[in-house]
Each structure stands twice: as structure tokens, then as C-alpha cells.
């Protein structure tokens, strides 16, 4: 009941509302690949839902964040291994304590 009261006032409430959470869950389980593809599918479905909601009222900062999030989600590679390699290069150069084995077995 409380979720429904602010479902269209807050993007988090919209995403956590039962009907939308089920749609995102369906996107996750529809991917038969690895975990990476499931997460990517969930991100894309979330953006689709947020952008497609005519009733959701987003503030200018929220609109900016959604635009940035969509851009990042759209730029994710299809292959999880390509993503892993890219992230390892980025973090190995920035964090001296980064150890790939801590994140990918």
C-alpha cells in the first residue's frame, strides 16, 4: 500500500513496486546466459520502464542521472568477458590494491 502511494513520485518506489519488480525479474530470468547478461537485461528493462512511465515525475537531477545511466547501460558490451577485461584494465590502473581474483574467479 505504501509503495503505491508514492509509486509515481519517486523512481525507486516505481522500480520496487510489485508489478514493476516482476517485469524486471522476468527480464532477468529470460536471459539464459551468464550473470552478466542477466544484470545487463535488468538495467535495460529498468531504463525502459522509467523512460516509458508517463506518470512518473522526475526532478531535473533525476532526469540527468537517468540519461547518464541509460548511456552507460547502452554502452555495455554484449560479452561479459569483454566487460571483465575492460574493468580490470580500468581498475588496475587506478587502484594499486586491485586484485582481479577478488572479483572474478
PDB file of N, CA and C in Angstrom:
ATOM      1  N   UNK A   1       0.821  -1.193   0.000  1.00  0.00           N
ATOM      2  CA  UNK A   1       0.000   0.000   0.000  1.00  0.00           C
ATOM      3  C   UNK A   1       0.867   1.259   0.000  1.00  0.00           C
ATOM      4  N   UNK A   2       1.895   1.285   0.842  1.00  0.00           N
ATOM      5  CA  UNK A   2       2.740   2.469   0.901  1.00  0.00           C
ATOM      6  C   UNK A   2       3.512   2.671  -0.401  1.00  0.00           C
ATOM      7  N   UNK A   3       3.900   1.570  -1.037  1.00  0.00           N
ATOM      8  CA  UNK A   3       4.614   1.682  -2.304  1.00  0.00           C
ATOM      9  C   UNK A   3       3.729   2.363  -3.333  1.00  0.00           C
ATOM     10  N   UNK A   4       2.473   2.008  -3.354  1.00  0.00           N
ATOM     11  CA  UNK A   4       1.555   2.573  -4.337  1.00  0.00           C
ATOM     12  C   UNK A   4       1.318   4.060  -4.103  1.00  0.00           C
ATOM     13  N   UNK A   5       1.460   4.508  -2.852  1.00  0.00           N
ATOM     14  CA  UNK A   5       1.170   5.904  -2.558  1.00  0.00           C
ATOM     15  C   UNK A   5       2.177   6.862  -3.191  1.00  0.00           C
ATOM     16  N   UNK A   6       3.423   6.421  -3.374  1.00  0.00           N
ATOM     17  CA  UNK A   6       4.411   7.314  -3.989  1.00  0.00           C
ATOM     18  C   UNK A   6       5.071   6.687  -5.214  1.00  0.00           C
ATOM     19  N   UNK A   7       4.415   5.722  -5.798  1.00  0.00           N
ATOM     20  CA  UNK A   7       4.950   4.992  -6.948  1.00  0.00           C
ATOM     21  C   UNK A   7       5.398   5.922  -8.075  1.00  0.00           C
ATOM     22  N   UNK A   8       4.640   6.975  -8.331  1.00  0.00           N
ATOM     23  CA  UNK A   8       4.963   7.866  -9.444  1.00  0.00           C
ATOM     24  C   UNK A   8       5.637   9.160  -8.990  1.00  0.00           C
ATOM     25  N   UNK A   9       5.938   9.256  -7.702  1.00  0.00           N
ATOM     26  CA  UNK A   9       6.658  10.422  -7.183  1.00  0.00           C
ATOM     27  C   UNK A   9       8.147  10.156  -7.020  1.00  0.00           C
ATOM     28  N   UNK A  10       8.523   8.895  -7.081  1.00  0.00           N
ATOM     29  CA  UNK A  10       9.890   8.525  -6.774  1.00  0.00           C
ATOM     30  C   UNK A  10      10.306   7.349  -7.659  1.00  0.00           C
ATOM     31  N   UNK A  11      11.427   7.455  -8.369  1.00  0.00           N
ATOM     32  CA  UNK A  11      11.821   6.358  -9.254  1.00  0.00           C
ATOM     33  C   UNK A  11      12.112   5.053  -8.507  1.00  0.00           C
ATOM     34  N   UNK A  12      12.646   5.162  -7.294  1.00  0.00           N
ATOM     35  CA  UNK A  12      12.910   3.954  -6.516  1.00  0.00           C
ATOM     36  C   UNK A  12      11.603   3.252  -6.157  1.00  0.00           C
ATOM     37  N   UNK A  13      10.597   4.026  -5.789  1.00  0.00           N
ATOM     38  CA  UNK A  13       9.307   3.429  -5.452  1.00  0.00           C
ATOM     39  C   UNK A  13       8.695   2.752  -6.675  1.00  0.00           C
ATOM     40  N   UNK A  14       8.853   3.355  -7.839  1.00  0.00           N
ATOM     41  CA  UNK A  14       8.324   2.746  -9.058  1.00  0.00           C
ATOM     42  C   UNK A  14       9.009   1.416  -9.325  1.00  0.00           C
ATOM     43  N   UNK A  15      10.324   1.393  -9.259  1.00  0.00           N
ATOM     44  CA  UNK A  15      11.074   0.172  -9.543  1.00  0.00           C
ATOM     45  C   UNK A  15      10.772  -0.922  -8.518  1.00  0.00           C
ATOM     46  N   UNK A  16      10.538  -0.523  -7.268  1.00  0.00           N
ATOM     47  CA  UNK A  16      10.264  -1.506  -6.224  1.00  0.00           C
ATOM     48  C   UNK A  16       8.791  -1.902  -6.113  1.00  0.00           C
ATOM     49  N   UNK A  17       7.922  -1.251  -6.874  1.00  0.00           N
ATOM     50  CA  UNK A  17       6.509  -1.636  -6.817  1.00  0.00           C
ATOM     51  C   UNK A  17       6.376  -3.057  -7.366  1.00  0.00           C
ATOM     52  N   UNK A  18       5.473  -3.835  -6.817  1.00  0.00           N
ATOM     53  CA  UNK A  18       5.394  -5.256  -7.194  1.00  0.00           C
ATOM     54  C   UNK A  18       5.255  -5.509  -8.696  1.00  0.00           C
ATOM     55  N   UNK A  19       4.414  -4.767  -9.384  1.00  0.00           N
ATOM     56  CA  UNK A  19       4.221  -5.033 -10.815  1.00  0.00           C
ATOM     57  C   UNK A  19       5.483  -4.756 -11.626  1.00  0.00           C
ATOM     58  N   UNK A  20       6.198  -3.712 -11.279  1.00  0.00           N
ATOM     59  CA  UNK A  20       7.426  -3.377 -11.997  1.00  0.00           C
ATOM     60  C   UNK A  20       8.548  -4.335 -11.605  1.00  0.00           C
ATOM     61  N   UNK A  21       8.633  -4.684 -10.339  1.00  0.00           N
ATOM     62  CA  UNK A  21       9.657  -5.636  -9.900  1.00  0.00           C
ATOM     63  C   UNK A  21       9.501  -6.971 -10.626  1.00  0.00           C
ATOM     64  N   UNK A  22       8.276  -7.376 -10.873  1.00  0.00           N
ATOM     65  CA  UNK A  22       8.028  -8.619 -11.607  1.00  0.00           C
ATOM     66  C   UNK A  22       8.523  -8.485 -13.049  1.00  0.00           C
ATOM     67  N   UNK A  23       8.292  -7.343 -13.672  1.00  0.00           N
ATOM     68  CA  UNK A  23       8.769  -7.140 -15.052  1.00  0.00           C
ATOM     69  C   UNK A  23      10.292  -7.202 -15.121  1.00  0.00           C
ATOM     70  N   UNK A  24      10.945  -6.607 -14.149  1.00  0.00           N
ATOM     71  CA  UNK A  24      12.410  -6.652 -14.118  1.00  0.00           C
ATOM     72  C   UNK A  24      12.885  -8.083 -13.856  1.00  0.00           C
ATOM     73  N   UNK A  25      12.204  -8.783 -12.959  1.00  0.00           N
ATOM     74  CA  UNK A  25      12.549 -10.183 -12.686  1.00  0.00           C
ATOM     75  C   UNK A  25      12.371 -11.043 -13.938  1.00  0.00           C
ATOM     76  N   UNK A  26      11.322 -10.775 -14.707  1.00  0.00           N
ATOM     77  CA  UNK A  26      11.117 -11.519 -15.953  1.00  0.00           C
ATOM     78  C   UNK A  26      12.264 -11.276 -16.931  1.00  0.00           C
ATOM     79  N   UNK A  27      12.748 -10.044 -16.982  1.00  0.00           N
ATOM     80  CA  UNK A  27      13.889  -9.739 -17.854  1.00  0.00           C
ATOM     81  C   UNK A  27      15.128 -10.506 -17.401  1.00  0.00           C
ATOM     82  N   UNK A  28      15.295 -10.645 -16.100  1.00  0.00           N
ATOM     83  CA  UNK A  28      16.454 -11.353 -15.560  1.00  0.00           C
ATOM     84  C   UNK A  28      16.384 -12.841 -15.918  1.00  0.00           C
ATOM     85  N   UNK A  29      15.262 -13.467 -15.643  1.00  0.00           N
ATOM     86  CA  UNK A  29      15.173 -14.918 -15.866  1.00  0.00           C
ATOM     87  C   UNK A  29      15.040 -15.280 -17.339  1.00  0.00           C
ATOM     88  N   UNK A  30      14.713 -14.303 -18.176  1.00  0.00           N
ATOM     89  CA  UNK A  30      14.619 -14.604 -19.610  1.00  0.00           C
ATOM     90  C   UNK A  30      15.993 -14.796 -20.236  1.00  0.00           C
ATOM     91  N   UNK A  31      17.023 -14.308 -19.563  1.00  0.00           N
ATOM     92  CA  UNK A  31      18.390 -14.488 -20.050  1.00  0.00           C
ATOM     93  C   UNK A  31      18.909 -15.836 -19.579  1.00  0.00           C
ATOM     94  N   UNK A  32      19.279 -16.650 -20.519  1.00  0.00           N
ATOM     95  CA  UNK A  32      19.778 -17.981 -20.162  1.00  0.00           C
ATOM     96  C   UNK A  32      21.292 -18.027 -20.158  1.00  0.00           C
ATOM     97  N   UNK A  33      21.896 -16.888 -20.317  1.00  0.00           N
ATOM     98  CA  UNK A  33      23.354 -16.812 -20.326  1.00  0.00           C
ATOM     99  C   UNK A  33      23.894 -16.708 -18.918  1.00  0.00           C
ATOM    100  N   UNK A  34      24.944 -15.961 -18.795  1.00  0.00           N
ATOM    101  CA  UNK A  34      25.610 -15.808 -17.509  1.00  0.00           C
ATOM    102  C   UNK A  34      24.997 -14.681 -16.688  1.00  0.00           C
ATOM    103  N   UNK A  35      25.558 -14.477 -15.515  1.00  0.00           N
ATOM    104  CA  UNK A  35      25.053 -13.439 -14.622  1.00  0.00           C
ATOM    105  C   UNK A  35      25.180 -12.054 -15.237  1.00  0.00           C
ATOM    106  N   UNK A  36      26.241 -11.825 -15.971  1.00  0.00           N
ATOM    107  CA  UNK A  36      26.442 -10.521 -16.606  1.00  0.00           C
ATOM    108  C   UNK A  36      25.269 -10.174 -17.510  1.00  0.00           C
ATOM    109  N   UNK A  37      24.859 -11.095 -18.357  1.00  0.00           N
ATOM    110  CA  UNK A  37      23.749 -10.831 -19.279  1.00  0.00           C
ATOM    111  C   UNK A  37      22.447 -10.591 -18.508  1.00  0.00           C
ATOM    112  N   UNK A  38      22.280 -11.243 -17.387  1.00  0.00           N
ATOM    113  CA  UNK A  38      21.078 -11.040 -16.570  1.00  0.00           C
ATOM    114  C   UNK A  38      21.050  -9.643 -15.978  1.00  0.00           C
ATOM    115  N   UNK A  39      22.196  -9.192 -15.472  1.00  0.00           N
ATOM    116  CA  UNK A  39      22.285  -7.842 -14.898  1.00  0.00           C
ATOM    117  C   UNK A  39      22.077  -6.793 -15.984  1.00  0.00           C
ATOM    118  N   UNK A  40      22.693  -7.006 -17.128  1.00  0.00           N
ATOM    119  CA  UNK A  40      22.535  -6.067 -18.241  1.00  0.00           C
ATOM    120  C   UNK A  40      21.071  -5.985 -18.661  1.00  0.00           C
ATOM    121  N   UNK A  41      20.400  -7.116 -18.729  1.00  0.00           N
ATOM    122  CA  UNK A  41      18.986  -7.142 -19.096  1.00  0.00           C
ATOM    123  C   UNK A  41      18.133  -6.399 -18.060  1.00  0.00           C
ATOM    124  N   UNK A  42      18.457  -6.568 -16.793  1.00  0.00           N
ATOM    125  CA  UNK A  42      17.726  -5.865 -15.731  1.00  0.00           C
ATOM    126  C   UNK A  42      17.926  -4.357 -15.841  1.00  0.00           C
ATOM    127  N   UNK A  43      19.143  -3.927 -16.136  1.00  0.00           N
ATOM    128  CA  UNK A  43      19.421  -2.489 -16.311  1.00  0.00           C
ATOM    129  C   UNK A  43      18.619  -1.919 -17.470  1.00  0.00           C
ATOM    130  N   UNK A  44      18.633  -2.622 -18.587  1.00  0.00           N
ATOM    131  CA  UNK A  44      17.922  -2.138 -19.767  1.00  0.00           C
ATOM    132  C   UNK A  44      16.413  -2.088 -19.529  1.00  0.00           C
ATOM    133  N   UNK A  45      15.869  -3.082 -18.853  1.00  0.00           N
ATOM    134  CA  UNK A  45      14.425  -3.100 -18.560  1.00  0.00           C
ATOM    135  C   UNK A  45      14.067  -1.964 -17.613  1.00  0.00           C
ATOM    136  N   UNK A  46      14.919  -1.694 -16.637  1.00  0.00           N
ATOM    137  CA  UNK A  46      14.667  -0.608 -15.694  1.00  0.00           C
ATOM    138  C   UNK A  46      14.625   0.734 -16.406  1.00  0.00           C
ATOM    139  N   UNK A  47      15.580   0.973 -17.275  1.00  0.00           N
ATOM    140  CA  UNK A  47      15.593   2.224 -18.049  1.00  0.00           C
ATOM    141  C   UNK A  47      14.336   2.317 -18.907  1.00  0.00           C
ATOM    142  N   UNK A  48      14.000   1.238 -19.573  1.00  0.00           N
ATOM    143  CA  UNK A  48      12.798   1.217 -20.419  1.00  0.00           C
ATOM    144  C   UNK A  48      11.544   1.583 -19.617  1.00  0.00           C
ATOM    145  N   UNK A  49      11.421   1.034 -18.437  1.00  0.00           N
ATOM    146  CA  UNK A  49      10.250   1.298 -17.588  1.00  0.00           C
ATOM    147  C   UNK A  49      10.241   2.746 -17.116  1.00  0.00           C
ATOM    148  N   UNK A  50      11.383   3.230 -16.627  1.00  0.00           N
ATOM    149  CA  UNK A  50      11.437   4.606 -16.133  1.00  0.00           C
ATOM    150  C   UNK A  50      11.161   5.618 -17.244  1.00  0.00           C
ATOM    151  N   UNK A  51      11.741   5.380 -18.407  1.00  0.00           N
ATOM    152  CA  UNK A  51      11.509   6.301 -19.521  1.00  0.00           C
ATOM    153  C   UNK A  51      10.089   6.199 -20.069  1.00  0.00           C
ATOM    154  N   UNK A  52       9.509   5.022 -19.979  1.00  0.00           N
ATOM    155  CA  UNK A  52       8.185   4.801 -20.547  1.00  0.00           C
ATOM    156  C   UNK A  52       7.032   5.205 -19.656  1.00  0.00           C
ATOM    157  N   UNK A  53       7.325   5.519 -18.406  1.00  0.00           N
ATOM    158  CA  UNK A  53       6.257   5.889 -17.481  1.00  0.00           C
ATOM    159  C   UNK A  53       5.832   7.335 -17.712  1.00  0.00           C
ATOM    160  N   UNK A  54       4.616   7.509 -18.144  1.00  0.00           N
ATOM    161  CA  UNK A  54       4.092   8.864 -18.373  1.00  0.00           C
ATOM    162  C   UNK A  54       3.700   9.549 -17.064  1.00  0.00           C
ATOM    163  N   UNK A  55       3.501   8.752 -16.026  1.00  0.00           N
ATOM    164  CA  UNK A  55       3.043   9.325 -14.753  1.00  0.00           C
ATOM    165  C   UNK A  55       4.184   9.655 -13.788  1.00  0.00           C
ATOM    166  N   UNK A  56       5.348   9.093 -14.027  1.00  0.00           N
ATOM    167  CA  UNK A  56       6.485   9.331 -13.135  1.00  0.00           C
ATOM    168  C   UNK A  56       6.985  10.757 -13.282  1.00  0.00           C
ATOM    169  N   UNK A  57       7.122  11.431 -12.146  1.00  0.00           N
ATOM    170  CA  UNK A  57       7.620  12.802 -12.136  1.00  0.00           C
ATOM    171  C   UNK A  57       9.068  12.795 -11.635  1.00  0.00           C
ATOM    172  N   UNK A  58       9.984  13.113 -12.545  1.00  0.00           N
ATOM    173  CA  UNK A  58      11.397  13.145 -12.190  1.00  0.00           C
ATOM    174  C   UNK A  58      11.895  14.583 -12.113  1.00  0.00           C
ATOM    175  N   UNK A  59      12.724  14.851 -11.125  1.00  0.00           N
ATOM    176  CA  UNK A  59      13.336  16.176 -10.991  1.00  0.00           C
ATOM    177  C   UNK A  59      14.435  16.314 -12.056  1.00  0.00           C
ATOM    178  N   UNK A  60      14.887  17.537 -12.313  1.00  0.00           N
ATOM    179  CA  UNK A  60      15.984  17.706 -13.282  1.00  0.00           C
ATOM    180  C   UNK A  60      17.234  16.868 -12.959  1.00  0.00           C
ATOM    181  N   UNK A  61      17.672  16.800 -11.692  1.00  0.00           N
ATOM    182  CA  UNK A  61      18.831  15.935 -11.412  1.00  0.00           C
ATOM    183  C   UNK A  61      18.536  14.453 -11.685  1.00  0.00           C
ATOM    184  N   UNK A  62      17.318  14.015 -11.386  1.00  0.00           N
ATOM    185  CA  UNK A  62      16.958  12.621 -11.653  1.00  0.00           C
ATOM    186  C   UNK A  62      16.921  12.342 -13.153  1.00  0.00           C
ATOM    187  N   UNK A  63      16.420  13.287 -13.925  1.00  0.00           N
ATOM    188  CA  UNK A  63      16.408  13.138 -15.380  1.00  0.00           C
ATOM    189  C   UNK A  63      17.836  13.043 -15.925  1.00  0.00           C
ATOM    190  N   UNK A  64      18.718  13.873 -15.386  1.00  0.00           N
ATOM    191  CA  UNK A  64      20.120  13.844 -15.797  1.00  0.00           C
ATOM    192  C   UNK A  64      20.755  12.495 -15.450  1.00  0.00           C
ATOM    193  N   UNK A  65      20.502  12.019 -14.242  1.00  0.00           N
ATOM    194  CA  UNK A  65      21.064  10.735 -13.828  1.00  0.00           C
ATOM    195  C   UNK A  65      20.525   9.606 -14.703  1.00  0.00           C
ATOM    196  N   UNK A  66      19.228   9.624 -14.992  1.00  0.00           N
ATOM    197  CA  UNK A  66      18.636   8.583 -15.834  1.00  0.00           C
ATOM    198  C   UNK A  66      19.275   8.599 -17.219  1.00  0.00           C
ATOM    199  N   UNK A  67      19.507   9.776 -17.757  1.00  0.00           N
ATOM    200  CA  UNK A  67      20.149   9.896 -19.063  1.00  0.00           C
ATOM    201  C   UNK A  67      21.562   9.305 -19.031  1.00  0.00           C
ATOM    202  N   UNK A  68      22.304   9.605 -17.993  1.00  0.00           N
ATOM    203  CA  UNK A  68      23.659   9.053 -17.845  1.00  0.00           C
ATOM    204  C   UNK A  68      23.623   7.542 -17.672  1.00  0.00           C
ATOM    205  N   UNK A  69      22.686   7.065 -16.859  1.00  0.00           N
ATOM    206  CA  UNK A  69      22.559   5.626 -16.618  1.00  0.00           C
ATOM    207  C   UNK A  69      22.212   4.895 -17.918  1.00  0.00           C
ATOM    208  N   UNK A  70      21.304   5.479 -18.697  1.00  0.00           N
ATOM    209  CA  UNK A  70      20.933   4.862 -19.969  1.00  0.00           C
ATOM    210  C   UNK A  70      22.126   4.810 -20.907  1.00  0.00           C
ATOM    211  N   UNK A  71      22.878   5.877 -20.962  1.00  0.00           N
ATOM    212  CA  UNK A  71      24.055   5.922 -21.822  1.00  0.00           C
ATOM    213  C   UNK A  71      25.051   4.827 -21.442  1.00  0.00           C
ATOM    214  N   UNK A  72      25.264   4.663 -20.155  1.00  0.00           N
ATOM    215  CA  UNK A  72      26.188   3.632 -19.681  1.00  0.00           C
ATOM    216  C   UNK A  72      25.637   2.240 -19.987  1.00  0.00           C
ATOM    217  N   UNK A  73      24.356   2.027 -19.699  1.00  0.00           N
ATOM    218  CA  UNK A  73      23.734   0.722 -19.950  1.00  0.00           C
ATOM    219  C   UNK A  73      23.785   0.374 -21.432  1.00  0.00           C
ATOM    220  N   UNK A  74      23.554   1.359 -22.285  1.00  0.00           N
ATOM    221  CA  UNK A  74      23.582   1.123 -23.729  1.00  0.00           C
ATOM    222  C   UNK A  74      24.987   0.825 -24.239  1.00  0.00           C
ATOM    223  N   UNK A  75      25.990   1.305 -23.529  1.00  0.00           N
ATOM    224  CA  UNK A  75      27.369   1.110 -23.983  1.00  0.00           C
ATOM    225  C   UNK A  75      27.990  -0.191 -23.466  1.00  0.00           C
ATOM    226  N   UNK A  76      27.275  -0.912 -22.629  1.00  0.00           N
ATOM    227  CA  UNK A  76      27.825  -2.162 -22.106  1.00  0.00           C
ATOM    228  C   UNK A  76      28.008  -3.170 -23.235  1.00  0.00           C
ATOM    229  N   UNK A  77      29.134  -3.851 -23.262  1.00  0.00           N
ATOM    230  CA  UNK A  77      29.338  -4.849 -24.312  1.00  0.00           C
ATOM    231  C   UNK A  77      28.397  -6.042 -24.126  1.00  0.00           C
ATOM    232  N   UNK A  78      28.156  -6.752 -25.197  1.00  0.00           N
ATOM    233  CA  UNK A  78      27.301  -7.941 -25.129  1.00  0.00           C
ATOM    234  C   UNK A  78      27.961  -9.070 -24.347  1.00  0.00           C
ATOM    235  N   UNK A  79      29.256  -9.171 -24.472  1.00  0.00           N
ATOM    236  CA  UNK A  79      30.010 -10.276 -23.886  1.00  0.00           C
ATOM    237  C   UNK A  79      30.541  -9.896 -22.503  1.00  0.00           C
ATOM    238  N   UNK A  80      30.228 -10.704 -21.515  1.00  0.00           N
ATOM    239  CA  UNK A  80      30.685 -10.457 -20.157  1.00  0.00           C
ATOM    240  C   UNK A  80      32.194 -10.514 -20.009  1.00  0.00           C
ATOM    241  N   UNK A  81      32.835 -11.323 -20.827  1.00  0.00           N
ATOM    242  CA  UNK A  81      34.296 -11.420 -20.767  1.00  0.00           C
ATOM    243  C   UNK A  81      34.939 -10.123 -21.248  1.00  0.00           C
ATOM    244  N   UNK A  82      34.372  -9.514 -22.266  1.00  0.00           N
ATOM    245  CA  UNK A  82      34.870  -8.223 -22.748  1.00  0.00           C
ATOM    246  C   UNK A  82      34.709  -7.175 -21.649  1.00  0.00           C
ATOM    247  N   UNK A  83      33.566  -7.208 -20.956  1.00  0.00           N
ATOM    248  CA  UNK A  83      33.332  -6.287 -19.842  1.00  0.00           C
ATOM    249  C   UNK A  83      34.367  -6.502 -18.738  1.00  0.00           C
ATOM    250  N   UNK A  84      34.601  -7.757 -18.392  1.00  0.00           N
ATOM    251  CA  UNK A  84      35.572  -8.074 -17.342  1.00  0.00           C
ATOM    252  C   UNK A  84      36.954  -7.536 -17.696  1.00  0.00           C
ATOM    253  N   UNK A  85      37.381  -7.780 -18.908  1.00  0.00           N
ATOM    254  CA  UNK A  85      38.701  -7.308 -19.337  1.00  0.00           C
ATOM    255  C   UNK A  85      38.785  -5.787 -19.280  1.00  0.00           C
ATOM    256  N   UNK A  86      37.733  -5.137 -19.717  1.00  0.00           N
ATOM    257  CA  UNK A  86      37.711  -3.665 -19.709  1.00  0.00           C
ATOM    258  C   UNK A  86      37.797  -3.132 -18.278  1.00  0.00           C
ATOM    259  N   UNK A  87      37.010  -3.710 -17.382  1.00  0.00           N
ATOM    260  CA  UNK A  87      37.004  -3.243 -15.995  1.00  0.00           C
ATOM    261  C   UNK A  87      38.325  -3.523 -15.301  1.00  0.00           C
ATOM    262  N   UNK A  88      38.928  -4.651 -15.599  1.00  0.00           N
ATOM    263  CA  UNK A  88      40.225  -4.957 -14.984  1.00  0.00           C
ATOM    264  C   UNK A  88      41.281  -3.949 -15.422  1.00  0.00           C
ATOM    265  N   UNK A  89      41.265  -3.564 -16.691  1.00  0.00           N
ATOM    266  CA  UNK A  89      42.227  -2.554 -17.161  1.00  0.00           C
ATOM    267  C   UNK A  89      41.985  -1.220 -16.451  1.00  0.00           C
ATOM    268  N   UNK A  90      40.729  -0.840 -16.319  1.00  0.00           N
ATOM    269  CA  UNK A  90      40.403   0.445 -15.687  1.00  0.00           C
ATOM    270  C   UNK A  90      40.831   0.450 -14.223  1.00  0.00           C
ATOM    271  N   UNK A  91      40.433  -0.563 -13.474  1.00  0.00           N
ATOM    272  CA  UNK A  91      40.696  -0.544 -12.040  1.00  0.00           C
ATOM    273  C   UNK A  91      42.143  -0.867 -11.692  1.00  0.00           C
ATOM    274  N   UNK A  92      42.793  -1.694 -12.482  1.00  0.00           N
ATOM    275  CA  UNK A  92      44.203  -1.996 -12.208  1.00  0.00           C
ATOM    276  C   UNK A  92      45.052  -0.732 -12.341  1.00  0.00           C
ATOM    277  N   UNK A  93      44.655   0.161 -13.213  1.00  0.00           N
ATOM    278  CA  UNK A  93      45.404   1.397 -13.387  1.00  0.00           C
ATOM    279  C   UNK A  93      45.093   2.455 -12.346  1.00  0.00           C
ATOM    280  N   UNK A  94      43.965   2.329 -11.673  1.00  0.00           N
ATOM    281  CA  UNK A  94      43.543   3.359 -10.716  1.00  0.00           C
ATOM    282  C   UNK A  94      43.731   2.958  -9.259  1.00  0.00           C
ATOM    283  N   UNK A  95      43.621   1.688  -8.990  1.00  0.00           N
ATOM    284  CA  UNK A  95      43.682   1.213  -7.608  1.00  0.00           C
ATOM    285  C   UNK A  95      44.877   0.285  -7.424  1.00  0.00           C
ATOM    286  N   UNK A  96      45.875   0.722  -6.690  1.00  0.00           N
ATOM    287  CA  UNK A  96      47.057  -0.123  -6.529  1.00  0.00           C
ATOM    288  C   UNK A  96      46.751  -1.435  -5.799  1.00  0.00           C
ATOM    289  N   UNK A  97      45.676  -1.468  -5.021  1.00  0.00           N
ATOM    290  CA  UNK A  97      45.334  -2.685  -4.274  1.00  0.00           C
ATOM    291  C   UNK A  97      44.360  -3.588  -5.025  1.00  0.00           C
ATOM    292  N   UNK A  98      44.009  -3.226  -6.256  1.00  0.00           N
ATOM    293  CA  UNK A  98      43.065  -4.031  -7.030  1.00  0.00           C
ATOM    294  C   UNK A  98      43.672  -5.383  -7.371  1.00  0.00           C
ATOM    295  N   UNK A  99      42.909  -6.434  -7.065  1.00  0.00           N
ATOM    296  CA  UNK A  99      43.299  -7.797  -7.430  1.00  0.00           C
ATOM    297  C   UNK A  99      42.124  -8.434  -8.155  1.00  0.00           C
ATOM    298  N   UNK A 100      42.345  -8.777  -9.398  1.00  0.00           N
ATOM    299  CA  UNK A 100      41.268  -9.330 -10.230  1.00  0.00           C
ATOM    300  C   UNK A 100      40.613 -10.536  -9.576  1.00  0.00           C
ATOM    301  N   UNK A 101      41.376 -11.391  -8.958  1.00  0.00           N
ATOM    302  CA  UNK A 101      40.829 -12.624  -8.370  1.00  0.00           C
ATOM    303  C   UNK A 101      39.824 -12.352  -7.256  1.00  0.00           C
ATOM    304  N   UNK A 102      39.851 -11.131  -6.685  1.00  0.00           N
ATOM    305  CA  UNK A 102      38.879 -10.789  -5.645  1.00  0.00           C
ATOM    306  C   UNK A 102      37.478 -10.571  -6.211  1.00  0.00           C
ATOM    307  N   UNK A 103      37.415 -10.350  -7.527  1.00  0.00           N
ATOM    308  CA  UNK A 103      36.139 -10.044  -8.169  1.00  0.00           C
ATOM    309  C   UNK A 103      35.704 -11.094  -9.169  1.00  0.00           C
ATOM    310  N   UNK A 104      36.665 -11.695  -9.845  1.00  0.00           N
ATOM    311  CA  UNK A 104      36.372 -12.742 -10.832  1.00  0.00           C
ATOM    312  C   UNK A 104      37.221 -13.946 -10.539  1.00  0.00           C
ATOM    313  N   UNK A 105      36.596 -15.060 -10.304  1.00  0.00           N
ATOM    314  CA  UNK A 105      37.381 -16.285 -10.011  1.00  0.00           C
ATOM    315  C   UNK A 105      38.155 -16.777 -11.219  1.00  0.00           C
TER     316      UNK A 105
END
